[in-house]
Protein backbone atom coordinates (compact mmCIF):
# COMPACT_ATOMS: atom_id res chain seq x y z
CA UNK A 1 -26.17 -27.67 -39.88
CA UNK A 2 -23.53 -26.80 -37.33
CA UNK A 3 -23.33 -23.27 -38.73
CA UNK A 4 -27.10 -22.92 -38.38
CA UNK A 5 -26.98 -24.02 -34.75
CA UNK A 6 -24.15 -21.63 -33.98
CA UNK A 7 -26.00 -18.80 -35.68
CA UNK A 8 -29.14 -19.65 -33.69
CA UNK A 9 -27.18 -19.64 -30.41
CA UNK A 10 -25.48 -16.39 -31.35
CA UNK A 11 -28.84 -14.81 -32.18
CA UNK A 12 -30.30 -15.89 -28.84
CA UNK A 13 -27.27 -14.45 -27.04
CA UNK A 14 -27.57 -11.12 -28.85
CA UNK A 15 -31.35 -10.81 -28.64
CA UNK A 16 -31.73 -12.25 -25.13
CA UNK A 17 -28.64 -11.35 -23.18
CA UNK A 18 -27.95 -7.82 -24.38
CA UNK A 19 -31.28 -6.41 -23.19
CA UNK A 20 -30.79 -8.24 -19.90
CA UNK A 21 -27.29 -6.83 -19.52
CA UNK A 22 -28.53 -3.36 -20.45
CA UNK A 23 -31.32 -3.58 -17.91
CA UNK A 24 -28.89 -4.71 -15.22
CA UNK A 25 -26.55 -1.83 -16.04
CA UNK A 26 -29.35 0.75 -15.93
CA UNK A 27 -30.54 -0.73 -12.64
CA UNK A 28 -27.03 -0.52 -11.20
CA UNK A 29 -26.72 3.14 -12.25
CA UNK A 30 -30.15 3.94 -10.80
CA UNK A 31 -29.19 2.26 -7.52
CA UNK A 32 -25.97 4.27 -7.29
CA UNK A 33 -27.83 7.52 -7.94
CA UNK A 34 -30.47 6.61 -5.35
CA UNK A 35 -27.91 5.85 -2.64
CA UNK A 36 -26.04 9.05 -3.46
CA UNK A 37 -29.26 11.09 -3.32
CA UNK A 38 -30.44 9.77 0.06
CA UNK A 39 -26.95 10.13 1.56
CA UNK A 40 -26.72 13.75 0.44
CA UNK A 41 -30.19 14.35 1.85
CA UNK A 42 -29.12 12.84 5.18
CA UNK A 43 -25.90 14.89 5.22
CA UNK A 44 -27.83 18.12 4.53
CA UNK A 45 -29.67 17.53 7.80
CA UNK A 46 -26.47 17.36 9.89
CA UNK A 47 -25.70 20.59 11.70
CA UNK A 48 -21.97 21.20 12.07
CA UNK A 49 -20.27 23.55 14.54
CA UNK A 50 -16.70 24.82 14.60
CA UNK A 51 -15.00 24.62 17.99
CA UNK A 52 -11.81 26.51 18.77
CA UNK A 53 -9.56 24.73 21.24
CA UNK A 54 -7.33 27.16 23.13
CA UNK A 55 -4.53 25.19 24.80
CA UNK A 56 -3.26 26.11 28.27
CA UNK A 57 -0.18 28.24 28.73
CA UNK A 58 1.71 25.22 30.03
CA UNK A 59 1.08 21.95 28.19
CA UNK A 60 2.53 19.39 30.57
CA UNK A 61 1.16 16.28 28.87
CA UNK A 62 2.66 14.45 25.92
CA UNK A 63 0.73 13.64 22.72
CA UNK A 64 -0.53 10.40 24.25
CA UNK A 65 -3.23 12.51 25.92
CA UNK A 66 -4.36 13.75 22.50
CA UNK A 67 -4.33 10.17 21.25
CA UNK A 68 -6.71 9.22 24.06
CA UNK A 69 -8.93 12.18 23.18
CA UNK A 70 -9.06 11.15 19.51
CA UNK A 71 -9.89 7.56 20.47
CA UNK A 72 -12.67 8.45 22.90
CA UNK A 73 -14.22 11.45 21.14
CA UNK A 74 -13.85 10.82 17.38
CA UNK A 75 -14.21 7.07 16.85
CA UNK A 76 -17.94 6.66 16.21
CA UNK A 77 -18.11 3.18 14.73
CA UNK A 78 -21.59 1.70 14.38
CA UNK A 79 -23.37 -1.07 12.49
CA UNK A 80 -26.16 0.40 10.39
CA UNK A 81 -28.99 -1.78 9.14
CA UNK A 82 -30.30 -1.86 5.61
CA UNK A 83 -33.14 0.56 6.36
CA UNK A 84 -30.77 3.13 7.88
CA UNK A 85 -28.16 2.86 5.15
CA UNK A 86 -30.24 2.35 1.99
CA UNK A 87 -33.51 4.10 2.82
CA UNK A 88 -32.57 6.85 5.25
CA UNK A 89 -29.08 7.38 3.79
CA UNK A 90 -27.37 7.33 7.20
CA UNK A 91 -23.59 7.81 7.12
CA UNK A 92 -20.95 7.76 9.83
CA UNK A 93 -20.07 11.12 11.36
CA UNK A 94 -16.78 12.65 10.31
CA UNK A 95 -14.65 15.32 11.96
CA UNK A 96 -12.11 17.88 10.85
CA UNK A 97 -8.98 18.61 12.89
CA UNK A 98 -7.56 21.94 11.76
CA UNK A 99 -4.52 24.14 12.41
CA UNK A 100 -4.95 27.66 11.07
CA UNK A 101 -2.79 30.77 10.82
CA UNK A 102 -4.58 34.06 10.24
CA UNK A 103 -1.91 36.69 9.68
CA UNK A 104 0.40 34.80 12.00
CA UNK A 105 -2.12 34.08 14.76
CA UNK A 106 -2.20 30.28 15.18
CA UNK A 107 -5.45 28.53 16.15
CA UNK A 108 -6.60 24.94 16.71
CA UNK A 109 -10.10 23.99 15.54
CA UNK A 110 -12.36 20.94 15.47
CA UNK A 111 -15.38 20.84 13.17
CA UNK A 112 -17.94 18.40 14.51
CA UNK A 113 -21.63 17.54 14.21
CA UNK A 114 -23.49 19.50 16.89
CA UNK A 115 -24.74 16.24 18.41
CA UNK A 116 -21.16 15.37 19.37
CA UNK A 117 -20.23 18.82 20.71
CA UNK A 118 -20.77 17.88 24.35
CA UNK A 119 -18.62 14.76 24.03
CA UNK A 120 -15.84 16.75 22.35
CA UNK A 121 -15.83 19.28 25.19
CA UNK A 122 -15.86 16.76 28.04
CA UNK A 123 -13.14 14.59 26.52
CA UNK A 124 -10.95 17.63 25.79
CA UNK A 125 -11.31 18.89 29.35
CA UNK A 126 -10.59 15.38 30.61
CA UNK A 127 -7.17 15.41 28.94
CA UNK A 128 -6.42 19.15 29.10
CA UNK A 129 -8.33 20.55 32.11
CA UNK A 130 -6.92 24.07 31.70
CA UNK A 131 -7.82 24.41 28.02
CA UNK A 132 -10.79 26.34 26.69
CA UNK A 133 -13.35 25.14 24.12
CA UNK A 134 -15.69 27.65 22.46
CA UNK A 135 -17.95 27.82 19.40
CA UNK A 136 -16.68 30.25 16.73
CA UNK A 137 -17.63 31.39 13.25
CA UNK A 138 -16.14 29.54 10.31
CA UNK A 139 -12.95 31.40 9.39
CA UNK A 140 -13.15 30.21 5.76
CA UNK A 141 -16.18 32.49 5.19
CA UNK A 142 -13.87 35.53 5.35
CA UNK A 143 -12.47 34.49 1.94
CA UNK A 144 -15.31 34.93 -0.54
CA UNK A 145 -13.81 33.28 -3.63
CA UNK A 146 -10.72 33.09 -5.82
CA UNK A 147 -11.44 34.87 -9.10
CA UNK A 148 -9.77 37.58 -11.21
CA UNK A 149 -12.07 40.12 -9.51
CA UNK A 150 -11.56 39.00 -5.90
CA UNK A 151 -8.94 40.34 -3.50
CA UNK A 152 -7.38 36.96 -2.78
CA UNK A 153 -5.19 34.41 -4.50
CA UNK A 154 -4.49 30.92 -3.18
CA UNK A 155 -2.64 27.65 -3.58
CA UNK A 156 -3.74 24.33 -2.14
CA UNK A 157 -3.25 20.60 -2.42
CA UNK A 158 -4.22 17.24 -0.95
CA UNK A 159 -1.80 14.65 0.41
CA UNK A 160 -1.43 10.92 -0.07
CA UNK A 161 0.87 8.31 1.43
CA UNK A 162 4.09 7.38 -0.35
CA UNK A 163 3.63 3.67 0.41
CA UNK A 164 0.69 1.37 1.21
CA UNK A 165 -1.14 2.50 4.32
CA UNK A 166 0.12 -0.53 6.27
CA UNK A 167 3.40 1.39 6.60
CA UNK A 168 3.11 4.02 9.36
CA UNK A 169 4.52 7.53 9.35
CA UNK A 170 6.98 8.71 12.01
CA UNK A 171 5.06 9.39 15.21
CA UNK A 172 5.68 11.11 18.51
CA UNK A 173 6.98 7.80 19.88
CA UNK A 174 9.77 7.87 17.28
CA UNK A 175 10.66 11.31 18.66
CA UNK A 176 10.63 9.89 22.25
CA UNK A 177 7.89 12.25 23.38
CA UNK A 178 6.17 9.35 25.13
CA UNK A 179 9.10 9.24 27.56
CA UNK A 180 8.42 12.83 28.74
CA UNK A 181 11.92 14.26 28.35
CA UNK A 182 12.77 17.63 29.83
CA UNK A 183 11.51 20.58 27.82
CA UNK A 184 14.98 21.55 26.60
CA UNK A 185 15.48 18.06 25.17
CA UNK A 186 12.11 17.69 23.45
CA UNK A 187 11.95 17.41 19.66
CA UNK A 188 8.32 17.92 18.71
CA UNK A 189 7.47 17.20 15.04
CA UNK A 190 4.60 19.71 15.11
CA UNK A 191 6.98 22.57 15.96
CA UNK A 192 8.00 23.32 12.33
CA UNK A 193 4.33 23.73 11.38
CA UNK A 194 3.55 26.09 14.27
CA UNK A 195 6.72 28.10 13.66
CA UNK A 196 5.97 28.47 9.96
CA UNK A 197 2.35 29.42 10.62
CA UNK A 198 3.46 31.96 13.22
CA UNK A 199 5.80 33.61 10.72
CA UNK A 200 3.05 34.69 8.31
CA UNK A 201 2.41 38.39 7.98
CA UNK A 202 -0.48 40.72 7.34
CA UNK A 203 -2.70 39.64 4.47
CA UNK A 204 -1.57 35.97 4.65
CA UNK A 205 -3.33 32.85 5.86
CA UNK A 206 -2.43 29.15 6.00
CA UNK A 207 -4.81 26.27 6.73
CA UNK A 208 -4.31 22.57 7.50
CA UNK A 209 -7.32 20.26 7.46
CA UNK A 210 -7.26 16.63 8.65
CA UNK A 211 -10.62 14.90 8.12
CA UNK A 212 -11.23 11.63 9.96
CA UNK A 213 -13.92 8.97 10.29
CA UNK A 214 -13.71 5.37 11.55
CA UNK A 215 -12.18 3.21 8.85
CA UNK A 216 -14.50 0.86 6.99
CA UNK A 217 -12.33 0.49 3.91
CA UNK A 218 -12.48 -3.02 2.49
CA UNK A 219 -10.09 -4.76 0.12
CA UNK A 220 -10.76 -7.59 -2.30
CA UNK A 221 -9.45 -10.90 -1.05
CA UNK A 222 -7.25 -12.49 -3.70
CA UNK A 223 -8.46 -15.86 -4.90
CA UNK A 224 -12.13 -15.20 -4.20
CA UNK A 225 -14.98 -13.71 -6.21
CA UNK A 226 -16.57 -11.50 -3.59
CA UNK A 227 -14.39 -11.98 -0.51
CA UNK A 228 -13.27 -8.84 1.33
CA UNK A 229 -11.03 -8.01 4.27
CA UNK A 230 -10.33 -4.90 6.34
CA UNK A 231 -7.24 -2.72 6.67
CA UNK A 232 -5.80 -4.81 9.52
CA UNK A 233 -5.77 -7.96 7.37
CA UNK A 234 -4.38 -5.91 4.49
CA UNK A 235 -1.55 -4.76 6.74
CA UNK A 236 -0.73 -8.37 7.59
CA UNK A 237 -0.57 -9.20 3.89
CA UNK A 238 1.82 -6.28 3.36
CA UNK A 239 4.04 -7.56 6.17
CA UNK A 240 4.12 -11.06 4.64
CA UNK A 241 4.88 -9.51 1.25
CA UNK A 242 7.75 -7.51 2.75
CA UNK A 243 9.24 -10.56 4.48
CA UNK A 244 8.53 -13.13 1.75
CA UNK A 245 12.14 -13.23 0.45
CA UNK A 246 13.28 -14.04 4.00
CA UNK A 247 10.61 -16.67 4.74
CA UNK A 248 11.30 -20.42 4.79
CA UNK A 249 8.41 -22.89 4.63
CA UNK A 250 9.23 -26.45 5.56
CA UNK A 251 7.26 -29.04 3.59
CA UNK A 252 6.91 -32.76 4.33
CA UNK A 253 6.15 -35.44 1.78
CA UNK A 254 4.02 -38.51 2.36
CA UNK A 255 4.48 -40.80 -0.62
CA UNK A 256 3.65 -38.84 -3.73
CA UNK A 257 1.63 -36.25 -1.79
CA UNK A 258 3.29 -33.08 -0.49
CA UNK A 259 2.00 -32.01 2.93
CA UNK A 260 2.82 -28.48 4.07
CA UNK A 261 4.04 -28.46 7.64
CA UNK A 262 2.80 -25.83 10.08
CA UNK A 263 6.29 -24.48 10.72
CA UNK A 264 7.17 -21.27 8.97
CA UNK A 265 10.49 -19.62 9.76
CA UNK A 266 11.00 -15.91 9.10
CA UNK A 267 14.42 -14.35 9.49
CA UNK A 268 13.93 -10.61 9.35
CA UNK A 269 17.10 -8.74 8.35
CA UNK A 270 18.08 -5.80 10.51
CA UNK A 271 17.35 -3.28 7.77
CA UNK A 272 13.69 -4.38 7.71
CA UNK A 273 13.28 -4.95 11.44
CA UNK A 274 11.99 -1.44 12.17
CA UNK A 275 9.52 -1.47 9.28
CA UNK A 276 8.10 -4.87 10.23
CA UNK A 277 7.68 -3.91 13.89
CA UNK A 278 6.17 -0.54 13.00
CA UNK A 279 3.64 -2.11 10.63
CA UNK A 280 2.65 -4.63 13.27
CA UNK A 281 2.30 -1.90 15.91
CA UNK A 282 0.07 0.22 13.66
CA UNK A 283 -2.66 -2.40 13.61
CA UNK A 284 -2.76 -2.53 17.43
CA UNK A 285 -4.59 0.82 17.56
CA UNK A 286 -7.86 2.12 16.13
CA UNK A 287 -7.75 3.09 12.47
CA UNK A 288 -9.34 6.18 10.93
CA UNK A 289 -9.98 6.82 7.28
CA UNK A 290 -8.17 10.10 6.76
CA UNK A 291 -7.90 12.89 4.22
CA UNK A 292 -5.44 15.78 4.45
CA UNK A 293 -5.66 19.12 2.66
CA UNK A 294 -3.66 22.35 3.03
CA UNK A 295 -4.10 25.87 1.65
CA UNK A 296 -2.08 29.05 1.53
CA UNK A 297 -4.00 32.26 0.85
CA UNK A 298 -2.80 35.82 0.45
CA UNK A 299 -3.96 39.17 -0.86
CA UNK A 300 -3.11 39.62 -4.52
CA UNK A 301 -0.65 42.42 -3.77
CA UNK A 302 1.28 39.90 -1.64
CA UNK A 303 0.82 36.70 -3.68
CA UNK A 304 3.19 35.74 -5.24
CA UNK A 305 5.46 36.76 -2.40
CA UNK A 306 8.90 38.31 -2.48
CA UNK A 307 12.04 36.44 -3.45
CA UNK A 308 13.12 36.26 0.20
CA UNK A 309 10.29 33.90 1.09
CA UNK A 310 7.85 31.78 -0.84
CA UNK A 311 5.19 30.63 1.57
CA UNK A 312 3.09 28.96 -1.12
CA UNK A 313 6.11 26.72 -1.73
CA UNK A 314 7.10 26.27 1.91
CA UNK A 315 3.66 25.01 2.96
CA UNK A 316 4.15 22.00 0.69
CA UNK A 317 6.98 20.77 2.93
CA UNK A 318 5.32 21.05 6.34
CA UNK A 319 4.89 17.26 6.68
CA UNK A 320 8.44 16.25 5.75
CA UNK A 321 9.37 15.52 9.39
CA UNK A 322 6.89 12.62 9.44
CA UNK A 323 8.71 10.77 6.65
CA UNK A 324 11.32 8.02 6.81
CA UNK A 325 12.63 5.94 3.88
CA UNK A 326 11.98 2.56 5.51
CA UNK A 327 8.42 3.32 6.61
CA UNK A 328 6.13 5.99 5.13
CA UNK A 329 5.57 9.65 4.42
CA UNK A 330 3.34 12.11 2.60
CA UNK A 331 3.28 13.26 -1.01
CA UNK A 332 1.15 16.09 -2.38
CA UNK A 333 -1.47 15.50 -5.07
CA UNK A 334 -4.31 17.42 -6.74
CA UNK A 335 -2.60 20.77 -6.35
CA UNK A 336 -4.15 24.01 -7.56
CA UNK A 337 -1.41 24.14 -10.20
CA UNK A 338 -3.16 21.27 -11.93
CA UNK A 339 -0.47 18.58 -11.62
CA UNK A 340 -2.89 15.88 -12.78
CA UNK A 341 -4.26 17.98 -15.63
CA UNK A 342 -1.13 19.45 -17.17
CA UNK A 343 0.36 17.53 -20.07
CA UNK A 344 2.94 17.94 -22.78
CA UNK A 345 0.10 18.82 -25.14
CA UNK A 346 -1.37 21.72 -23.24
CA UNK A 347 -0.62 23.46 -19.94
CA UNK A 348 -3.18 25.24 -17.82
CA UNK A 349 -3.68 28.96 -18.21
CA UNK A 350 -3.49 31.35 -15.20
CA UNK A 351 -7.29 31.59 -15.23
CA UNK A 352 -7.64 27.80 -15.10
CA UNK A 353 -5.13 27.62 -12.23
CA UNK A 354 -7.23 30.21 -10.39
CA UNK A 355 -10.33 28.09 -11.08
CA UNK A 356 -8.65 25.10 -9.47
CA UNK A 357 -7.66 27.24 -6.46
CA UNK A 358 -11.29 28.33 -6.06
CA UNK A 359 -12.42 24.69 -6.24
CA UNK A 360 -9.89 23.85 -3.54
CA UNK A 361 -11.31 26.63 -1.39
CA UNK A 362 -14.85 25.31 -1.81
CA UNK A 363 -13.77 21.76 -1.01
CA UNK A 364 -11.95 22.96 2.10
CA UNK A 365 -14.94 25.01 3.23
CA UNK A 366 -17.34 22.08 2.75
CA UNK A 367 -14.83 19.64 4.28
CA UNK A 368 -15.27 17.34 1.28
CA UNK A 369 -13.48 14.02 1.34
CA UNK A 370 -15.76 11.11 2.19
CA UNK A 371 -19.10 11.85 0.50
CA UNK A 372 -18.35 13.78 -2.67
CA UNK A 373 -20.95 15.70 -4.72
CA UNK A 374 -22.23 14.03 -7.87
CA UNK A 375 -20.13 16.27 -10.12
CA UNK A 376 -16.98 14.59 -8.76
CA UNK A 377 -18.29 11.25 -9.98
CA UNK A 378 -19.67 12.33 -13.37
CA UNK A 379 -16.87 14.67 -14.48
CA UNK A 380 -13.84 13.11 -12.85
CA UNK A 381 -10.53 12.90 -14.64
CA UNK A 382 -10.31 9.28 -13.44
CA UNK A 383 -13.50 8.44 -15.35
CA UNK A 384 -12.12 10.03 -18.51
CA UNK A 385 -8.85 8.14 -18.19
CA UNK A 386 -10.78 4.88 -17.87
CA UNK A 387 -12.81 5.57 -21.01
CA UNK A 388 -9.81 6.81 -23.01
CA UNK A 389 -6.85 4.65 -21.93
CA UNK A 390 -4.69 5.10 -25.02
CA UNK A 391 -2.14 7.90 -24.56
CA UNK A 392 -2.77 9.51 -27.95
CA UNK A 393 -6.56 9.51 -27.57
CA UNK A 394 -6.21 10.68 -23.99
CA UNK A 395 -3.93 13.58 -24.99
CA UNK A 396 -6.30 14.71 -27.75
CA UNK A 397 -9.31 14.35 -25.48
CA UNK A 398 -7.71 16.30 -22.64
CA UNK A 399 -6.62 19.00 -25.09
CA UNK A 400 -10.20 19.46 -26.27
CA UNK A 401 -11.80 19.26 -22.85
CA UNK A 402 -9.46 21.76 -21.22
CA UNK A 403 -10.69 24.40 -23.64
CA UNK A 404 -14.20 24.16 -22.20
CA UNK A 405 -13.99 23.02 -18.58
CA UNK A 406 -11.66 21.33 -16.12
CA UNK A 407 -12.47 17.79 -14.96
CA UNK A 408 -12.61 17.14 -11.22
CA UNK A 409 -9.92 15.30 -9.29
CA UNK A 410 -10.87 12.82 -6.58
CA UNK A 411 -9.24 13.43 -3.19
CA UNK A 412 -7.48 10.37 -1.84
CA UNK A 413 -8.10 8.88 1.60
CA UNK A 414 -5.98 6.44 3.59
CA UNK A 415 -5.91 4.83 7.02
CA UNK A 416 -4.00 6.40 9.92
CA UNK A 417 -4.30 5.13 13.46
CA UNK A 418 -4.90 7.20 16.59
CA UNK A 419 -1.18 7.49 17.33
CA UNK A 420 -0.42 8.92 13.90
CA UNK A 421 -3.30 11.41 14.12
CA UNK A 422 -2.21 12.57 17.57
CA UNK A 423 1.24 13.20 16.10
CA UNK A 424 -0.21 15.38 13.36
CA UNK A 425 -2.60 17.31 15.64
CA UNK A 426 -1.63 18.06 19.23
CA UNK A 427 -0.68 21.01 21.38
CA UNK A 428 3.04 21.86 21.52
CA UNK A 429 4.79 22.11 24.86
CA UNK A 430 6.35 25.09 26.57
CA UNK A 431 9.59 24.72 24.61
CA UNK A 432 7.82 26.26 21.59
CA UNK A 433 7.76 29.97 22.35
CA UNK A 434 5.66 31.19 19.43
CA UNK A 435 4.06 34.44 20.67
CA UNK A 436 1.27 34.23 18.10
CA UNK A 437 0.05 30.79 19.25
CA UNK A 438 -3.21 31.46 21.06
CA UNK A 439 -3.07 30.06 24.60
CA UNK A 440 -4.92 30.49 27.87
CA UNK A 441 -3.08 33.25 29.71
CA UNK A 442 -3.83 32.00 33.22
CA UNK A 443 -5.17 28.89 34.87
CA UNK A 444 -8.93 28.90 35.33
CA UNK A 445 -9.93 27.62 38.77
CA UNK A 446 -13.31 26.06 39.40
CA UNK A 447 -15.51 27.64 42.13
CA UNK A 448 -15.26 26.13 45.61
CA UNK A 449 -17.92 23.50 46.31
CA UNK A 450 -19.08 25.10 49.59
CA UNK A 451 -20.41 28.37 48.17
CA UNK A 452 -23.75 29.40 49.75
CA UNK A 453 -26.78 28.96 47.54
């Protein structure tokens, strides 16, 4: 009798719940596709412009001015209702801060929605009155594609943080630039990048792309089913995790019941003092979800370069000055060499490496980071690794799939605050005498207000 009842319950579960679960799954997939479709439709209606920012000959202000510009001009946080988000597909605007070397000529660019162009210009002039802002053609269009038939070859990669994003990178404050030292005593972390970019020769280009949008990353709250918290709360949890071995909690006991007292004593050792203070300071400023990508491109008769220099290798190290062992730094991922796709079973062929370089070029040109095309979701290596977790099955699967096409690799985003972004993208001072850095030759004076009409 008991077996009959169990069989009956089992039959109801199979017959009743499986179709319900299948329907729910299909509905979830349909919802994801719908949201993706309307977002891509909304994005296709955004007109972007590329602005070149030509710094003045004499940059007398420290990077704090650029931090104020980033805060006022690029932080477009807004609460979108259900109709805007799920029917119109509205997304937050994103921007691209770029440093580019074209045959040694160094340029600063901002790619922005045209609706924000006026704000970008006024805020830039507010901080750098002698600079010049102008609309230019997209320099990436000069490189058609990376194929065996094209004239160009390329290498590129994305970057991720070495530690959780609660840990900051070294900023201009760590280099004492906020104290406005004399020019001969300044140590500007952006100088190595500008110097390297200025050293490129004919037929070479190097690009740095920093994409930003206000952070709305959410993290699952431990101990809850659906609870979430933002990056600031996550940073606090990382601080408590760091200091947990040095934390004393005093507990009182009333009879058989233990009552936790409010007093918590934390004795931070000196070796962790800088990290704890830096993590706390990071959350005091606005956070941006950030993605970083770099590329080195050269004519095929130049790439690979001579044994004296190897610019495709050197560009991988341009962010080393922002790293410190006790806080954070950058590590490259998703390189055009196929780091995530190579395995002991099969390595990528030169043609496949060139395919990855061309993909990197297309992603750079489209400024892809936050709202990826559907192919990134359907044919991602991360999806394949989830379906085939066992190493042997995964190796066999990747061996077979590489013979037909290369899966896509998701770029990784992380949170940097306005201070960190201003450190990565600002105008160097007069101490940097790179002749190929485009600057305003003379100060532009405004017309006198008493001119006759």
